[in-house]
Structure formats: C-alpha cells, structure tokens
C-alpha cells in the first residue's frame, strides 16, 4: 500500500520559514520522481516542485528562489524548505508520486 504522510506545516509571519517533510512507503522511493503540490483556500491544486530519482529539481515560478526540494533516500523522505514565505503561499501542501497523493499539511502565512 502506497502511503505518503506530510508534516511540518504551521502558522508563520510573512518572511518566515518552514520545512515540510513527507515520509513515503509502499513503493521504491529511491527510483521515484516526487512532487510537492498545494491547494490554497478556494483554489485548485497547484504543482509546486519536483525532484527526480537523480536529484534534478524543478520549481513553479512563484516559488523558485524561495523553496528548495530535497530527498533522503535512506529515510524514504521528501523535504521542502520554504523561505521568505508570503501570504499567497497559504495552502495545504501535499507530496505525490504517480497518481498517489498523501495527506497534506496546512501552511498559513499571516501577520
């Protein structure tokens, strides 16, 4: 059974930082291309970032330069370091692989 469990969300002020984690199981994580997605209040799901099995990364233009995706294949864990957070980053953040999406973690950016 594929499981993807995100954590690390919370409430921060604009300009703050958070680090999200996603623990994966039930599939060969080290060979998987992994994604972070988010869904803001009243919005659709938006792709945020990707890291492939070789460690190559890609980012949504809105987060490029502020967010960094990484992975620890020994721990089957995906990370998203989020710096200089803005109110428009407020969303539930999910990790995903193929057609699977895990339970999200809420990030709220507000003064």
Protein backbone atom coordinates (compact mmCIF):
# COMPACT_ATOMS: atom_id res chain seq x y z
CA UNK A 1 0.00 0.00 0.00
CA UNK A 2 1.38 3.37 -1.02
CA UNK A 3 1.49 5.84 1.84
CA UNK A 4 2.61 9.46 1.75
CA UNK A 5 2.48 11.39 5.01
CA UNK A 6 3.34 15.07 5.02
CA UNK A 7 4.14 17.04 8.15
CA UNK A 8 5.80 20.25 9.28
CA UNK A 9 3.12 22.78 8.46
CA UNK A 10 2.13 25.60 10.77
CA UNK A 11 1.49 29.31 11.09
CA UNK A 12 4.22 31.81 10.31
CA UNK A 13 4.52 35.50 9.62
CA UNK A 14 5.45 36.80 6.18
CA UNK A 15 9.16 36.37 5.61
CA UNK A 16 9.30 33.31 7.83
CA UNK A 17 10.43 29.79 7.05
CA UNK A 18 9.12 26.27 7.39
CA UNK A 19 10.44 22.85 6.45
CA UNK A 20 7.96 20.25 5.30
CA UNK A 21 8.63 16.52 5.33
CA UNK A 22 6.91 13.66 3.56
CA UNK A 23 7.57 10.09 4.59
CA UNK A 24 6.88 7.59 1.83
CA UNK A 25 6.30 3.85 1.89
CA UNK A 26 4.90 1.08 -0.28
CA UNK A 27 6.89 1.81 -3.42
CA UNK A 28 10.57 2.11 -4.49
CA UNK A 29 11.14 5.66 -3.28
CA UNK A 30 14.75 5.97 -4.46
CA UNK A 31 13.66 5.41 -8.06
CA UNK A 32 10.62 7.70 -7.85
CA UNK A 33 10.12 11.18 -9.23
CA UNK A 34 8.44 13.05 -6.38
CA UNK A 35 6.29 16.16 -6.35
CA UNK A 36 5.07 18.75 -3.94
CA UNK A 37 1.67 20.27 -4.69
CA UNK A 38 -0.53 22.73 -2.83
CA UNK A 39 -4.12 23.86 -2.69
CA UNK A 40 -4.88 27.30 -1.40
CA UNK A 41 -8.25 28.39 0.01
CA UNK A 42 -10.79 28.47 -2.79
CA UNK A 43 -8.20 27.42 -5.37
CA UNK A 44 -7.37 24.34 -7.38
CA UNK A 45 -4.39 22.08 -6.84
CA UNK A 46 -1.14 23.72 -7.95
CA UNK A 47 2.12 21.95 -8.67
CA UNK A 48 4.97 23.41 -6.60
CA UNK A 49 8.13 21.41 -7.15
CA UNK A 50 9.63 18.16 -8.39
CA UNK A 51 12.77 16.15 -7.68
CA UNK A 52 13.57 13.17 -9.87
CA UNK A 53 15.43 10.00 -8.99
CA UNK A 54 18.73 11.63 -9.99
CA UNK A 55 18.17 14.64 -7.75
CA UNK A 56 17.28 17.06 -10.53
CA UNK A 57 14.83 19.68 -9.36
CA UNK A 58 12.16 21.92 -10.89
CA UNK A 59 10.00 24.65 -9.38
CA UNK A 60 6.86 26.61 -10.02
CA UNK A 61 7.85 30.13 -11.00
CA UNK A 62 6.07 31.57 -7.96
CA UNK A 63 8.32 29.69 -5.53
CA UNK A 64 11.58 29.47 -7.45
CA UNK A 65 14.39 31.01 -5.44
CA UNK A 66 12.47 30.71 -2.17
CA UNK A 67 11.70 26.99 -1.89
CA UNK A 68 14.15 24.09 -2.05
CA UNK A 69 13.12 20.47 -2.57
CA UNK A 70 15.35 17.62 -1.46
CA UNK A 71 15.18 13.94 -0.64
CA UNK A 72 16.76 11.41 1.67
CA UNK A 73 16.53 8.04 0.01
CA UNK A 74 17.84 6.24 3.08
CA UNK A 75 14.92 7.60 5.10
CA UNK A 76 12.36 7.46 2.25
CA UNK A 77 11.66 11.11 2.98
CA UNK A 78 10.98 14.11 0.76
CA UNK A 79 11.56 17.64 2.06
CA UNK A 80 10.50 21.15 1.10
CA UNK A 81 12.40 24.02 2.67
CA UNK A 82 10.29 27.15 2.35
CA UNK A 83 11.90 30.53 2.96
CA UNK A 84 10.63 34.09 2.64
CA UNK A 85 7.06 32.87 2.90
CA UNK A 86 4.28 35.09 1.58
CA UNK A 87 0.56 35.19 2.38
CA UNK A 88 -0.15 33.74 -1.05
CA UNK A 89 1.80 30.62 -0.03
CA UNK A 90 -1.02 29.77 2.38
CA UNK A 91 -2.27 26.34 1.37
CA UNK A 92 -2.47 22.68 2.21
CA UNK A 93 0.74 21.13 0.91
CA UNK A 94 0.80 17.56 -0.39
CA UNK A 95 3.50 15.26 -1.64
CA UNK A 96 2.70 13.00 -4.54
CA UNK A 97 4.06 10.17 -6.63
CA UNK A 98 2.46 8.99 -9.86
CA UNK A 99 -1.30 9.00 -9.21
CA UNK A 100 -0.90 8.89 -5.43
CA UNK A 101 -1.29 11.89 -3.20
CA UNK A 102 -0.75 11.86 0.52
CA UNK A 103 -2.48 13.56 3.38
CA UNK A 104 -1.49 17.20 3.38
CA UNK A 105 -0.13 19.62 5.92
CA UNK A 106 -1.50 23.15 6.35
CA UNK A 107 0.75 26.17 5.96
CA UNK A 108 -0.67 29.54 6.99
CA UNK A 109 1.26 32.74 6.33
CA UNK A 110 -0.25 35.74 8.02
CA UNK A 111 0.74 38.76 10.03
